[in-house]
PDB file of N, CA and C in Angstrom:
ATOM      1  N   MET A   1      13.330  21.861  23.847  1.00  0.00           N
ATOM      2  CA  MET A   1      12.778  20.511  23.868  1.00  0.00           C
ATOM      3  C   MET A   1      13.766  19.573  24.563  1.00  0.00           C
ATOM      4  N   GLY A   2      13.233  18.743  25.439  1.00  0.00           N
ATOM      5  CA  GLY A   2      14.051  17.720  26.077  1.00  0.00           C
ATOM      6  C   GLY A   2      14.242  16.538  25.136  1.00  0.00           C
ATOM      7  N   LYS A   3      14.949  15.557  25.606  1.00  0.00           N
ATOM      8  CA  LYS A   3      15.165  14.346  24.821  1.00  0.00           C
ATOM      9  C   LYS A   3      13.987  13.414  25.038  1.00  0.00           C
ATOM     10  N   HIS A   4      13.362  12.981  23.970  1.00  0.00           N
ATOM     11  CA  HIS A   4      12.218  12.064  24.039  1.00  0.00           C
ATOM     12  C   HIS A   4      12.639  10.709  23.478  1.00  0.00           C
ATOM     13  N   ILE A   5      12.519   9.694  24.297  1.00  0.00           N
ATOM     14  CA  ILE A   5      13.013   8.361  23.938  1.00  0.00           C
ATOM     15  C   ILE A   5      11.890   7.339  24.068  1.00  0.00           C
ATOM     16  N   VAL A   6      11.813   6.455  23.090  1.00  0.00           N
ATOM     17  CA  VAL A   6      10.919   5.303  23.131  1.00  0.00           C
ATOM     18  C   VAL A   6      11.815   4.065  23.046  1.00  0.00           C
ATOM     19  N   GLU A   7      11.599   3.123  23.947  1.00  0.00           N
ATOM     20  CA  GLU A   7      12.349   1.869  23.913  1.00  0.00           C
ATOM     21  C   GLU A   7      11.384   0.690  23.838  1.00  0.00           C
ATOM     22  N   VAL A   8      11.765  -0.287  23.056  1.00  0.00           N
ATOM     23  CA  VAL A   8      11.069  -1.577  23.036  1.00  0.00           C
ATOM     24  C   VAL A   8      12.177  -2.593  23.290  1.00  0.00           C
ATOM     25  N   ASN A   9      12.137  -3.223  24.452  1.00  0.00           N
ATOM     26  CA  ASN A   9      13.256  -4.048  24.904  1.00  0.00           C
ATOM     27  C   ASN A   9      12.930  -5.537  24.956  1.00  0.00           C
ATOM     28  N   ASP A  10      13.956  -6.312  24.654  1.00  0.00           N
ATOM     29  CA  ASP A  10      13.906  -7.766  24.783  1.00  0.00           C
ATOM     30  C   ASP A  10      12.753  -8.385  23.997  1.00  0.00           C
ATOM     31  N   ILE A  11      12.652  -7.974  22.738  1.00  0.00           N
ATOM     32  CA  ILE A  11      11.697  -8.614  21.828  1.00  0.00           C
ATOM     33  C   ILE A  11      12.265 -10.003  21.552  1.00  0.00           C
ATOM     34  N   ARG A  12      11.579 -11.024  21.968  1.00  0.00           N
ATOM     35  CA  ARG A  12      12.097 -12.392  21.845  1.00  0.00           C
ATOM     36  C   ARG A  12      11.506 -13.078  20.625  1.00  0.00           C
ATOM     37  N   LEU A  13      12.412 -13.640  19.828  1.00  0.00           N
ATOM     38  CA  LEU A  13      11.996 -14.268  18.570  1.00  0.00           C
ATOM     39  C   LEU A  13      12.813 -15.528  18.316  1.00  0.00           C
ATOM     40  N   TYR A  14      12.259 -16.397  17.514  1.00  0.00           N
ATOM     41  CA  TYR A  14      12.981 -17.559  17.005  1.00  0.00           C
ATOM     42  C   TYR A  14      13.141 -17.325  15.518  1.00  0.00           C
ATOM     43  N   ALA A  15      14.388 -17.367  15.034  1.00  0.00           N
ATOM     44  CA  ALA A  15      14.641 -17.077  13.622  1.00  0.00           C
ATOM     45  C   ALA A  15      15.791 -17.939  13.116  1.00  0.00           C
ATOM     46  N   PHE A  16      16.096 -17.795  11.839  1.00  0.00           N
ATOM     47  CA  PHE A  16      17.011 -18.708  11.154  1.00  0.00           C
ATOM     48  C   PHE A  16      18.180 -17.979  10.489  1.00  0.00           C
ATOM     49  N   HIS A  17      18.890 -17.140  11.233  1.00  0.00           N
ATOM     50  CA  HIS A  17      20.007 -16.377  10.683  1.00  0.00           C
ATOM     51  C   HIS A  17      21.323 -17.071  10.966  1.00  0.00           C
ATOM     52  N   GLY A  18      22.301 -16.832  10.103  1.00  0.00           N
ATOM     53  CA  GLY A  18      23.640 -17.352  10.327  1.00  0.00           C
ATOM     54  C   GLY A  18      24.277 -17.820   9.037  1.00  0.00           C
ATOM     55  N   CYS A  19      25.593 -17.888   9.071  1.00  0.00           N
ATOM     56  CA  CYS A  19      26.352 -18.299   7.891  1.00  0.00           C
ATOM     57  C   CYS A  19      26.386 -19.818   7.723  1.00  0.00           C
ATOM     58  N   LEU A  20      26.187 -20.539   8.804  1.00  0.00           N
ATOM     59  CA  LEU A  20      26.205 -21.998   8.726  1.00  0.00           C
ATOM     60  C   LEU A  20      24.886 -22.526   8.176  1.00  0.00           C
ATOM     61  N   GLU A  21      24.988 -23.535   7.329  1.00  0.00           N
ATOM     62  CA  GLU A  21      23.782 -24.126   6.735  1.00  0.00           C
ATOM     63  C   GLU A  21      22.830 -24.652   7.814  1.00  0.00           C
ATOM     64  N   GLU A  22      23.412 -25.231   8.884  1.00  0.00           N
ATOM     65  CA  GLU A  22      22.592 -25.774   9.965  1.00  0.00           C
ATOM     66  C   GLU A  22      21.747 -24.692  10.641  1.00  0.00           C
ATOM     67  N   GLU A  23      22.301 -23.471  10.731  1.00  0.00           N
ATOM     68  CA  GLU A  23      21.565 -22.380  11.375  1.00  0.00           C
ATOM     69  C   GLU A  23      20.288 -22.038  10.601  1.00  0.00           C
ATOM     70  N   GLY A  24      20.335 -22.225   9.289  1.00  0.00           N
ATOM     71  CA  GLY A  24      19.163 -21.981   8.462  1.00  0.00           C
ATOM     72  C   GLY A  24      18.101 -23.052   8.625  1.00  0.00           C
ATOM     73  N   LYS A  25      18.499 -24.221   9.115  1.00  0.00           N
ATOM     74  CA  LYS A  25      17.552 -25.313   9.309  1.00  0.00           C
ATOM     75  C   LYS A  25      17.069 -25.408  10.753  1.00  0.00           C
ATOM     76  N   ILE A  26      17.994 -25.234  11.688  1.00  0.00           N
ATOM     77  CA  ILE A  26      17.671 -25.418  13.103  1.00  0.00           C
ATOM     78  C   ILE A  26      17.127 -24.142  13.732  1.00  0.00           C
ATOM     79  N   GLY A  27      17.728 -23.001  13.397  1.00  0.00           N
ATOM     80  CA  GLY A  27      17.310 -21.730  13.968  1.00  0.00           C
ATOM     81  C   GLY A  27      17.871 -21.501  15.356  1.00  0.00           C
ATOM     82  N   SER A  28      17.600 -20.315  15.882  1.00  0.00           N
ATOM     83  CA  SER A  28      18.098 -19.911  17.203  1.00  0.00           C
ATOM     84  C   SER A  28      17.129 -18.929  17.840  1.00  0.00           C
ATOM     85  N   ASN A  29      17.310 -18.752  19.133  1.00  0.00           N
ATOM     86  CA  ASN A  29      16.574 -17.731  19.862  1.00  0.00           C
ATOM     87  C   ASN A  29      17.325 -16.403  19.773  1.00  0.00           C
ATOM     88  N   TYR A  30      16.561 -15.330  19.638  1.00  0.00           N
ATOM     89  CA  TYR A  30      17.129 -13.988  19.523  1.00  0.00           C
ATOM     90  C   TYR A  30      16.398 -13.042  20.461  1.00  0.00           C
ATOM     91  N   SER A  31      17.096 -11.967  20.796  1.00  0.00           N
ATOM     92  CA  SER A  31      16.508 -10.873  21.554  1.00  0.00           C
ATOM     93  C   SER A  31      16.876  -9.576  20.828  1.00  0.00           C
ATOM     94  N   VAL A  32      15.892  -8.693  20.664  1.00  0.00           N
ATOM     95  CA  VAL A  32      16.123  -7.435  19.960  1.00  0.00           C
ATOM     96  C   VAL A  32      15.700  -6.281  20.866  1.00  0.00           C
ATOM     97  N   ASP A  33      16.564  -5.264  20.946  1.00  0.00           N
ATOM     98  CA  ASP A  33      16.278  -4.042  21.693  1.00  0.00           C
ATOM     99  C   ASP A  33      16.287  -2.870  20.726  1.00  0.00           C
ATOM    100  N   ILE A  34      15.275  -2.030  20.830  1.00  0.00           N
ATOM    101  CA  ILE A  34      15.155  -0.831  19.998  1.00  0.00           C
ATOM    102  C   ILE A  34      15.120   0.378  20.918  1.00  0.00           C
ATOM    103  N   ARG A  35      15.891   1.378  20.582  1.00  0.00           N
ATOM    104  CA  ARG A  35      15.866   2.668  21.297  1.00  0.00           C
ATOM    105  C   ARG A  35      15.801   3.749  20.234  1.00  0.00           C
ATOM    106  N   LEU A  36      14.783   4.598  20.325  1.00  0.00           N
ATOM    107  CA  LEU A  36      14.654   5.648  19.320  1.00  0.00           C
ATOM    108  C   LEU A  36      14.368   6.985  19.981  1.00  0.00           C
ATOM    109  N   GLU A  37      14.778   8.026  19.289  1.00  0.00           N
ATOM    110  CA  GLU A  37      14.482   9.381  19.735  1.00  0.00           C
ATOM    111  C   GLU A  37      13.539  10.020  18.731  1.00  0.00           C
ATOM    112  N   THR A  38      12.592  10.780  19.270  1.00  0.00           N
ATOM    113  CA  THR A  38      11.603  11.487  18.472  1.00  0.00           C
ATOM    114  C   THR A  38      11.108  12.654  19.316  1.00  0.00           C
ATOM    115  N   ASP A  39      10.291  13.490  18.773  1.00  0.00           N
ATOM    116  CA  ASP A  39       9.686  14.574  19.547  1.00  0.00           C
ATOM    117  C   ASP A  39       8.231  14.202  19.812  1.00  0.00           C
ATOM    118  N   PHE A  40       7.943  13.772  21.044  1.00  0.00           N
ATOM    119  CA  PHE A  40       6.557  13.438  21.356  1.00  0.00           C
ATOM    120  C   PHE A  40       5.918  14.455  22.300  1.00  0.00           C
ATOM    121  N   THR A  41       6.348  15.711  22.166  1.00  0.00           N
ATOM    122  CA  THR A  41       5.769  16.791  22.969  1.00  0.00           C
ATOM    123  C   THR A  41       4.252  16.860  22.795  1.00  0.00           C
ATOM    124  N   GLU A  42       3.797  16.890  21.544  1.00  0.00           N
ATOM    125  CA  GLU A  42       2.352  16.981  21.287  1.00  0.00           C
ATOM    126  C   GLU A  42       1.607  15.765  21.819  1.00  0.00           C
ATOM    127  N   ALA A  43       2.187  14.589  21.685  1.00  0.00           N
ATOM    128  CA  ALA A  43       1.544  13.374  22.197  1.00  0.00           C
ATOM    129  C   ALA A  43       1.366  13.459  23.715  1.00  0.00           C
ATOM    130  N   ALA A  44       2.386  13.965  24.388  1.00  0.00           N
ATOM    131  CA  ALA A  44       2.325  14.079  25.850  1.00  0.00           C
ATOM    132  C   ALA A  44       1.264  15.098  26.282  1.00  0.00           C
ATOM    133  N   ILE A  45       1.166  16.195  25.555  1.00  0.00           N
ATOM    134  CA  ILE A  45       0.204  17.240  25.892  1.00  0.00           C
ATOM    135  C   ILE A  45      -1.221  16.815  25.545  1.00  0.00           C
ATOM    136  N   GLU A  46      -1.381  16.251  24.352  1.00  0.00           N
ATOM    137  CA  GLU A  46      -2.718  15.926  23.834  1.00  0.00           C
ATOM    138  C   GLU A  46      -3.195  14.516  24.193  1.00  0.00           C
ATOM    139  N   ASP A  47      -2.299  13.685  24.747  1.00  0.00           N
ATOM    140  CA  ASP A  47      -2.624  12.285  25.031  1.00  0.00           C
ATOM    141  C   ASP A  47      -3.097  11.586  23.759  1.00  0.00           C
ATOM    142  N   ASN A  48      -2.285  11.756  22.693  1.00  0.00           N
ATOM    143  CA  ASN A  48      -2.670  11.296  21.356  1.00  0.00           C
ATOM    144  C   ASN A  48      -1.587  10.389  20.773  1.00  0.00           C
ATOM    145  N   LEU A  49      -1.897   9.121  20.585  1.00  0.00           N
ATOM    146  CA  LEU A  49      -0.956   8.138  20.060  1.00  0.00           C
ATOM    147  C   LEU A  49      -0.439   8.505  18.677  1.00  0.00           C
ATOM    148  N   GLU A  50      -1.251   9.165  17.883  1.00  0.00           N
ATOM    149  CA  GLU A  50      -0.852   9.520  16.519  1.00  0.00           C
ATOM    150  C   GLU A  50       0.271  10.563  16.481  1.00  0.00           C
ATOM    151  N   LYS A  51       0.590  11.168  17.620  1.00  0.00           N
ATOM    152  CA  LYS A  51       1.622  12.207  17.682  1.00  0.00           C
ATOM    153  C   LYS A  51       2.956  11.667  18.187  1.00  0.00           C
ATOM    154  N   THR A  52       3.079  10.348  18.256  1.00  0.00           N
ATOM    155  CA  THR A  52       4.329   9.731  18.693  1.00  0.00           C
ATOM    156  C   THR A  52       4.587   8.486  17.861  1.00  0.00           C
ATOM    157  N   VAL A  53       5.673   7.796  18.145  1.00  0.00           N
ATOM    158  CA  VAL A  53       5.990   6.536  17.474  1.00  0.00           C
ATOM    159  C   VAL A  53       5.354   5.416  18.290  1.00  0.00           C
ATOM    160  N   ASP A  54       4.494   4.653  17.658  1.00  0.00           N
ATOM    161  CA  ASP A  54       3.770   3.563  18.316  1.00  0.00           C
ATOM    162  C   ASP A  54       4.690   2.353  18.454  1.00  0.00           C
ATOM    163  N   TYR A  55       4.917   1.904  19.679  1.00  0.00           N
ATOM    164  CA  TYR A  55       5.818   0.764  19.869  1.00  0.00           C
ATOM    165  C   TYR A  55       5.242  -0.534  19.322  1.00  0.00           C
ATOM    166  N   VAL A  56       3.931  -0.595  19.099  1.00  0.00           N
ATOM    167  CA  VAL A  56       3.334  -1.761  18.445  1.00  0.00           C
ATOM    168  C   VAL A  56       3.864  -1.861  17.004  1.00  0.00           C
ATOM    169  N   THR A  57       3.944  -0.715  16.332  1.00  0.00           N
ATOM    170  CA  THR A  57       4.500  -0.676  14.966  1.00  0.00           C
ATOM    171  C   THR A  57       5.951  -1.129  14.969  1.00  0.00           C
ATOM    172  N   ILE A  58       6.730  -0.659  15.937  1.00  0.00           N
ATOM    173  CA  ILE A  58       8.145  -1.035  16.023  1.00  0.00           C
ATOM    174  C   ILE A  58       8.270  -2.542  16.219  1.00  0.00           C
ATOM    175  N   ASN A  59       7.474  -3.112  17.107  1.00  0.00           N
ATOM    176  CA  ASN A  59       7.503  -4.558  17.331  1.00  0.00           C
ATOM    177  C   ASN A  59       7.142  -5.322  16.057  1.00  0.00           C
ATOM    178  N   GLN A  60       6.164  -4.841  15.314  1.00  0.00           N
ATOM    179  CA  GLN A  60       5.767  -5.499  14.064  1.00  0.00           C
ATOM    180  C   GLN A  60       6.899  -5.452  13.036  1.00  0.00           C
ATOM    181  N   ILE A  61       7.585  -4.312  12.940  1.00  0.00           N
ATOM    182  CA  ILE A  61       8.701  -4.186  11.996  1.00  0.00           C
ATOM    183  C   ILE A  61       9.817  -5.162  12.361  1.00  0.00           C
ATOM    184  N   VAL A  62      10.163  -5.210  13.641  1.00  0.00           N
ATOM    185  CA  VAL A  62      11.222  -6.123  14.088  1.00  0.00           C
ATOM    186  C   VAL A  62      10.843  -7.566  13.772  1.00  0.00           C
ATOM    187  N   THR A  63       9.632  -7.949  14.088  1.00  0.00           N
ATOM    188  CA  THR A  63       9.172  -9.316  13.840  1.00  0.00           C
ATOM    189  C   THR A  63       9.220  -9.646  12.351  1.00  0.00           C
ATOM    190  N   GLN A  64       8.742  -8.736  11.534  1.00  0.00           N
ATOM    191  CA  GLN A  64       8.730  -8.936  10.081  1.00  0.00           C
ATOM    192  C   GLN A  64      10.151  -9.113   9.537  1.00  0.00           C
ATOM    193  N   GLU A  65      11.062  -8.249   9.937  1.00  0.00           N
ATOM    194  CA  GLU A  65      12.429  -8.315   9.400  1.00  0.00           C
ATOM    195  C   GLU A  65      13.217  -9.496   9.960  1.00  0.00           C
ATOM    196  N   MET A  66      12.948  -9.864  11.201  1.00  0.00           N
ATOM    197  CA  MET A  66      13.654 -11.007  11.788  1.00  0.00           C
ATOM    198  C   MET A  66      13.236 -12.325  11.140  1.00  0.00           C
ATOM    199  N   HIS A  67      12.068 -12.368  10.535  1.00  0.00           N
ATOM    200  CA  HIS A  67      11.625 -13.600   9.895  1.00  0.00           C
ATOM    201  C   HIS A  67      12.130 -13.753   8.461  1.00  0.00           C
ATOM    202  N   LYS A  68      12.885 -12.774   7.958  1.00  0.00           N
ATOM    203  CA  LYS A  68      13.530 -12.890   6.644  1.00  0.00           C
ATOM    204  C   LYS A  68      14.968 -13.351   6.886  1.00  0.00           C
ATOM    205  N   ARG A  69      15.287 -14.531   6.420  1.00  0.00           N
ATOM    206  CA  ARG A  69      16.607 -15.109   6.683  1.00  0.00           C
ATOM    207  C   ARG A  69      17.735 -14.259   6.101  1.00  0.00           C
ATOM    208  N   SER A  70      18.790 -14.113   6.905  1.00  0.00           N
ATOM    209  CA  SER A  70      20.024 -13.448   6.486  1.00  0.00           C
ATOM    210  C   SER A  70      21.205 -14.213   7.056  1.00  0.00           C
ATOM    211  N   LYS A  71      22.332 -14.099   6.405  1.00  0.00           N
ATOM    212  CA  LYS A  71      23.548 -14.680   6.961  1.00  0.00           C
ATOM    213  C   LYS A  71      24.033 -13.863   8.146  1.00  0.00           C
ATOM    214  N   LEU A  72      23.931 -12.531   8.029  1.00  0.00           N
ATOM    215  CA  LEU A  72      24.490 -11.644   9.039  1.00  0.00           C
ATOM    216  C   LEU A  72      23.425 -10.868   9.800  1.00  0.00           C
ATOM    217  N   LEU A  73      23.596 -10.773  11.106  1.00  0.00           N
ATOM    218  CA  LEU A  73      22.697  -9.960  11.921  1.00  0.00           C
ATOM    219  C   LEU A  73      22.811  -8.485  11.546  1.00  0.00           C
ATOM    220  N   GLU A  74      23.975  -8.084  11.061  1.00  0.00           N
ATOM    221  CA  GLU A  74      24.167  -6.708  10.611  1.00  0.00           C
ATOM    222  C   GLU A  74      23.173  -6.355   9.504  1.00  0.00           C
ATOM    223  N   ASN A  75      22.929  -7.300   8.618  1.00  0.00           N
ATOM    224  CA  ASN A  75      21.975  -7.097   7.533  1.00  0.00           C
ATOM    225  C   ASN A  75      20.556  -6.959   8.069  1.00  0.00           C
ATOM    226  N   VAL A  76      20.202  -7.784   9.027  1.00  0.00           N
ATOM    227  CA  VAL A  76      18.863  -7.719   9.619  1.00  0.00           C
ATOM    228  C   VAL A  76      18.677  -6.379  10.333  1.00  0.00           C
ATOM    229  N   ALA A  77      19.659  -5.965  11.106  1.00  0.00           N
ATOM    230  CA  ALA A  77      19.566  -4.702  11.842  1.00  0.00           C
ATOM    231  C   ALA A  77      19.422  -3.519  10.895  1.00  0.00           C
ATOM    232  N   GLN A  78      20.157  -3.526   9.802  1.00  0.00           N
ATOM    233  CA  GLN A  78      20.055  -2.420   8.842  1.00  0.00           C
ATOM    234  C   GLN A  78      18.677  -2.387   8.196  1.00  0.00           C
ATOM    235  N   ARG A  79      18.106  -3.554   7.909  1.00  0.00           N
ATOM    236  CA  ARG A  79      16.745  -3.597   7.366  1.00  0.00           C
ATOM    237  C   ARG A  79      15.740  -3.046   8.375  1.00  0.00           C
ATOM    238  N   ILE A  80      15.924  -3.385   9.649  1.00  0.00           N
ATOM    239  CA  ILE A  80      15.034  -2.860  10.691  1.00  0.00           C
ATOM    240  C   ILE A  80      15.125  -1.342  10.727  1.00  0.00           C
ATOM    241  N   ILE A  81      16.332  -0.812  10.686  1.00  0.00           N
ATOM    242  CA  ILE A  81      16.517   0.642  10.687  1.00  0.00           C
ATOM    243  C   ILE A  81      15.841   1.273   9.482  1.00  0.00           C
ATOM    244  N   ASN A  82      16.078   0.725   8.317  1.00  0.00           N
ATOM    245  CA  ASN A  82      15.509   1.290   7.089  1.00  0.00           C
ATOM    246  C   ASN A  82      13.981   1.286   7.124  1.00  0.00           C
ATOM    247  N   THR A  83      13.402   0.188   7.573  1.00  0.00           N
ATOM    248  CA  THR A  83      11.948   0.083   7.612  1.00  0.00           C
ATOM    249  C   THR A  83      11.348   0.994   8.683  1.00  0.00           C
ATOM    250  N   CYS A  84      11.990   1.065   9.837  1.00  0.00           N
ATOM    251  CA  CYS A  84      11.503   1.979  10.892  1.00  0.00           C
ATOM    252  C   CYS A  84      11.520   3.414  10.392  1.00  0.00           C
ATOM    253  N   LYS A  85      12.592   3.809   9.760  1.00  0.00           N
ATOM    254  CA  LYS A  85      12.696   5.185   9.275  1.00  0.00           C
ATOM    255  C   LYS A  85      11.644   5.458   8.197  1.00  0.00           C
ATOM    256  N   GLU A  86      11.414   4.484   7.338  1.00  0.00           N
ATOM    257  CA  GLU A  86      10.421   4.635   6.266  1.00  0.00           C
ATOM    258  C   GLU A  86       9.004   4.759   6.838  1.00  0.00           C
ATOM    259  N   GLN A  87       8.678   3.923   7.822  1.00  0.00           N
ATOM    260  CA  GLN A  87       7.315   3.899   8.361  1.00  0.00           C
ATOM    261  C   GLN A  87       7.083   4.908   9.493  1.00  0.00           C
ATOM    262  N   CYS A  88       8.163   5.387  10.083  1.00  0.00           N
ATOM    263  CA  CYS A  88       8.065   6.334  11.210  1.00  0.00           C
ATOM    264  C   CYS A  88       9.030   7.496  10.945  1.00  0.00           C
ATOM    265  N   PRO A  89       8.698   8.395  10.038  1.00  0.00           N
ATOM    266  CA  PRO A  89       9.632   9.437   9.609  1.00  0.00           C
ATOM    267  C   PRO A  89       9.993  10.459  10.682  1.00  0.00           C
ATOM    268  N   ASP A  90       9.298  10.459  11.816  1.00  0.00           N
ATOM    269  CA  ASP A  90       9.618  11.416  12.877  1.00  0.00           C
ATOM    270  C   ASP A  90      10.754  10.955  13.789  1.00  0.00           C
ATOM    271  N   ILE A  91      11.286   9.767  13.537  1.00  0.00           N
ATOM    272  CA  ILE A  91      12.428   9.279  14.319  1.00  0.00           C
ATOM    273  C   ILE A  91      13.656  10.110  13.945  1.00  0.00           C
ATOM    274  N   THR A  92      14.381  10.590  14.971  1.00  0.00           N
ATOM    275  CA  THR A  92      15.593  11.370  14.716  1.00  0.00           C
ATOM    276  C   THR A  92      16.867  10.579  15.007  1.00  0.00           C
ATOM    277  N   LYS A  93      16.750   9.565  15.851  1.00  0.00           N
ATOM    278  CA  LYS A  93      17.893   8.708  16.167  1.00  0.00           C
ATOM    279  C   LYS A  93      17.354   7.327  16.479  1.00  0.00           C
ATOM    280  N   LEU A  94      18.089   6.292  16.053  1.00  0.00           N
ATOM    281  CA  LEU A  94      17.606   4.924  16.217  1.00  0.00           C
ATOM    282  C   LEU A  94      18.775   4.002  16.517  1.00  0.00           C
ATOM    283  N   SER A  95      18.584   3.150  17.510  1.00  0.00           N
ATOM    284  CA  SER A  95      19.574   2.143  17.858  1.00  0.00           C
ATOM    285  C   SER A  95      18.890   0.781  17.839  1.00  0.00           C
ATOM    286  N   VAL A  96      19.535  -0.178  17.176  1.00  0.00           N
ATOM    287  CA  VAL A  96      19.034  -1.544  17.107  1.00  0.00           C
ATOM    288  C   VAL A  96      20.120  -2.474  17.632  1.00  0.00           C
ATOM    289  N   ARG A  97      19.753  -3.290  18.614  1.00  0.00           N
ATOM    290  CA  ARG A  97      20.675  -4.297  19.151  1.00  0.00           C
ATOM    291  C   ARG A  97      20.024  -5.654  18.945  1.00  0.00           C
ATOM    292  N   ILE A  98      20.714  -6.537  18.235  1.00  0.00           N
ATOM    293  CA  ILE A  98      20.224  -7.904  18.035  1.00  0.00           C
ATOM    294  C   ILE A  98      21.199  -8.847  18.717  1.00  0.00           C
ATOM    295  N   SER A  99      20.661  -9.710  19.566  1.00  0.00           N
ATOM    296  CA  SER A  99      21.474 -10.693  20.279  1.00  0.00           C
ATOM    297  C   SER A  99      21.039 -12.096  19.884  1.00  0.00           C
ATOM    298  N   LYS A 100      22.007 -12.898  19.509  1.00  0.00           N
ATOM    299  CA  LYS A 100      21.761 -14.329  19.257  1.00  0.00           C
ATOM    300  C   LYS A 100      22.090 -15.045  20.555  1.00  0.00           C
ATOM    301  N   LEU A 101      21.097 -15.734  21.114  1.00  0.00           N
ATOM    302  CA  LEU A 101      21.262 -16.398  22.390  1.00  0.00           C
ATOM    303  C   LEU A 101      21.863 -17.785  22.188  1.00  0.00           C
ATOM    304  N   CYS A 102      22.796 -18.148  23.045  1.00  0.00           N
ATOM    305  CA  CYS A 102      23.478 -19.450  22.975  1.00  0.00           C
ATOM    306  C   CYS A 102      23.992 -19.735  21.558  1.00  0.00           C
ATOM    307  N   PRO A 103      24.870 -18.892  21.012  1.00  0.00           N
ATOM    308  CA  PRO A 103      25.336 -19.071  19.636  1.00  0.00           C
ATOM    309  C   PRO A 103      26.210 -20.321  19.485  1.00  0.00           C
ATOM    310  N   PRO A 104      26.179 -20.929  18.308  1.00  0.00           N
ATOM    311  CA  PRO A 104      26.977 -22.140  18.074  1.00  0.00           C
ATOM    312  C   PRO A 104      28.428 -21.779  17.741  1.00  0.00           C
ATOM    313  N   ILE A 105      29.200 -21.359  18.775  1.00  0.00           N
ATOM    314  CA  ILE A 105      30.574 -20.924  18.507  1.00  0.00           C
ATOM    315  C   ILE A 105      31.610 -21.688  19.325  1.00  0.00           C
ATOM    316  N   ASN A 106      31.316 -22.927  19.688  1.00  0.00           N
ATOM    317  CA  ASN A 106      32.277 -23.764  20.406  1.00  0.00           C
ATOM    318  C   ASN A 106      32.741 -23.155  21.717  1.00  0.00           C
ATOM    319  N   GLY A 107      31.804 -22.734  22.533  1.00  0.00           N
ATOM    320  CA  GLY A 107      32.162 -22.184  23.831  1.00  0.00           C
ATOM    321  C   GLY A 107      30.915 -21.930  24.647  1.00  0.00           C
ATOM    322  N   ASP A 108      31.126 -21.658  25.923  1.00  0.00           N
ATOM    323  CA  ASP A 108      30.016 -21.363  26.828  1.00  0.00           C
ATOM    324  C   ASP A 108      29.759 -19.865  26.777  1.00  0.00           C
ATOM    325  N   VAL A 109      28.979 -19.439  25.785  1.00  0.00           N
ATOM    326  CA  VAL A 109      28.705 -18.021  25.549  1.00  0.00           C
ATOM    327  C   VAL A 109      27.201 -17.808  25.628  1.00  0.00           C
ATOM    328  N   ALA A 110      26.775 -16.865  26.462  1.00  0.00           N
ATOM    329  CA  ALA A 110      25.347 -16.601  26.632  1.00  0.00           C
ATOM    330  C   ALA A 110      24.739 -15.998  25.380  1.00  0.00           C
ATOM    331  N   SER A 111      25.455 -15.056  24.765  1.00  0.00           N
ATOM    332  CA  SER A 111      24.928 -14.415  23.562  1.00  0.00           C
ATOM    333  C   SER A 111      26.033 -13.659  22.833  1.00  0.00           C
ATOM    334  N   VAL A 112      25.762 -13.381  21.579  1.00  0.00           N
ATOM    335  CA  VAL A 112      26.577 -12.449  20.800  1.00  0.00           C
ATOM    336  C   VAL A 112      25.614 -11.390  20.287  1.00  0.00           C
ATOM    337  N   SER A 113      26.100 -10.152  20.182  1.00  0.00           N
ATOM    338  CA  SER A 113      25.216  -9.054  19.796  1.00  0.00           C
ATOM    339  C   SER A 113      25.897  -8.140  18.788  1.00  0.00           C
ATOM    340  N   ILE A 114      25.062  -7.505  17.990  1.00  0.00           N
ATOM    341  CA  ILE A 114      25.520  -6.408  17.139  1.00  0.00           C
ATOM    342  C   ILE A 114      24.610  -5.220  17.438  1.00  0.00           C
ATOM    343  N   ILE A 115      25.180  -4.039  17.298  1.00  0.00           N
ATOM    344  CA  ILE A 115      24.422  -2.812  17.533  1.00  0.00           C
ATOM    345  C   ILE A 115      24.691  -1.846  16.377  1.00  0.00           C
ATOM    346  N   ILE A 116      23.627  -1.285  15.854  1.00  0.00           N
ATOM    347  CA  ILE A 116      23.753  -0.206  14.862  1.00  0.00           C
ATOM    348  C   ILE A 116      23.003   0.990  15.422  1.00  0.00           C
ATOM    349  N   GLU A 117      23.656   2.144  15.409  1.00  0.00           N
ATOM    350  CA  GLU A 117      23.014   3.401  15.798  1.00  0.00           C
ATOM    351  C   GLU A 117      23.096   4.361  14.642  1.00  0.00           C
ATOM    352  N   GLU A 118      21.977   4.994  14.307  1.00  0.00           N
ATOM    353  CA  GLU A 118      21.955   5.975  13.228  1.00  0.00           C
ATOM    354  C   GLU A 118      21.165   7.204  13.656  1.00  0.00           C
ATOM    355  N   SER A 119      21.623   8.361  13.192  1.00  0.00           N
ATOM    356  CA  SER A 119      20.907   9.623  13.398  1.00  0.00           C
ATOM    357  C   SER A 119      20.367  10.094  12.077  1.00  0.00           C
ATOM    358  N   PHE A 120      19.207  10.761  12.119  1.00  0.00           N
ATOM    359  CA  PHE A 120      18.556  11.247  10.912  1.00  0.00           C
ATOM    360  C   PHE A 120      18.280  12.734  11.079  1.00  0.00           C
ATOM    361  N   LYS A 121      18.138  13.440   9.967  1.00  0.00           N
ATOM    362  CA  LYS A 121      17.804  14.864   9.894  1.00  0.00           C
ATOM    363  C   LYS A 121      18.936  15.766  10.213  1.00  0.00           C
TER     364      LYS A 121
END
């Protein structure tokens, strides 16, 4: 079996994460990238969505978890991983990158990002 990868890139959201009280009130723009590995051999042969990981589901999970306020992006990313694994048990490897665009850190910074990668099975 070759490597089978599904990516959902640059999911753009407005959310209210951060340790500062103002971040919980004002919010920020975010971008989320998901990269997962699974075996979609049967989906490719049968042309059957039920035999692979549906990226619509992944987008819904990201949106749902990003709308739950957290102080740390690390916490949000771990929730995304946990929920993806729970709802899509055929995932064997998952990477989540969350970027906060124009962060309030006293400098000209385009974004800050965290990445969590986990393997399963």
